[in-house]
């Protein structure tokens, strides 16, 4: 066997020296080649060895090649060291240029491999099918050109109780019965729709962005929607975030809608653009439950109803710097005039609540179901700025009175801020003004108290103005 190999090698070398070219499988080797091998059913097999065996080769020549079975690579000795080229591992990336690059449909559903990342390039029409994402990742590289389109009756992209990750990949629902998304998740799943995931109508009206229900967190950031209807959020959700999205074209619905079955811990909607005539910006349906909500720096241009179902003063919501929406505040203003109820002073230096029937001018996040009392209702702790003015008539010479604020009906501590009027003459009209601040949480209430500093003479406070604001 070895003799036959050496003989063949000598014949090959002899042919090379004589003819300067060798053809194997061809009688006409290419003029630019020293060795031209042609075959339709065989390949070239170079020496195969482990890394240890490779490293044992003595003084390898520049350009020496072997196949490394340790690393599954082609190794070349170059510039004094071994280098691996054409190294290949099993990749989780699937490049999609057309429907044929995807798994075969089962009915009208194409189920993706959850271990893969599918990278779409160009316009890929999967009609009349939908993609069941099945936990796979989806992305494009140019969100202006990389688009999945379908005219299926239902959702172009569907996910059931799996994580969702989509980036830089647009969706085009191409019929009036098609929506972009239909995603459901459990409390352990995340739904991430990132940067450049446009939803656009290129063949007339559709059902819009679609439905997302459940998930531990739903995050929708830096996307463009030009559709008939926006996204609808339902189910039990830990956190919903919408940030830096440009929503246009809404003509039959809302940009963002929370369905009546939505139970959500936290909602953060910030820096979005709602630009379309008429319709609604953000809708919260009856029976939807949102524990904490924050709207900040959203722009509404042309939208008839920026909000539906909530307002700046809805319990649990904080709204700041949104166009056409007042900032959230907590405030209350109550008063009485021409009061005739006498406040009984039991003893000197004892604070008691001022008697009188108060009326409410205006309140938000406060209530006054008891006279001379304002109760705070809000998720956030506040430091209330409190202002009080009372007017009364001194009952005797050298009268001396002080007022303060009582919190939750407790006797004001000795360190509580007070305001006083002293050295009053009999029947002298006087006023006392108090400005202070009080920390309040939901359910706390405040009242105005008065005391006599020189006896136990009762007093009638004729007028009182009492306000608090955060």
Foldseek 3Di string as FASTA:
>chain_A
DVVVVVVVVVVVVVCCVVVVADEAPDPDADPVDNYHYDDDPDDDAFAEDAPVVVVPDPPDDAQDWHQHPNQRFIWGCHPNRIDTPPRDDDAQEQEDEELVSFADDDPQEGEHDLSHEYEYDFEYESPPHAYADANHHYEYDALVGAEYEHQHQEENYEYEAYAYHYESYEYEHEYQRYAHYHYEHELAYEYEYDASHEYEYDHDAYPYHEEYEYYQEYEHEHYEYQHQEAYEYAYEYAEYEYANYEYENHNDEENYEYDLRHAYAEYEYEHYEAEYAEHEYYEYDPNHHYQAYEYEQYEYHNYPHPYYPDAQQPARYAYYNYPPGDGRKWKWKKKAAQFDDWDFFPKAPFKDFADGAIDTPDGGQWDDPDGQKIFGAHQDKDWKKKKKKWKWFDQAFFWKKKKFKDKPPDGDDPPGDIWMDTRHHHRDMDMTMDIDIDIDDHGMMMGMIMGTNPIGDMTHTRMMMIMIID
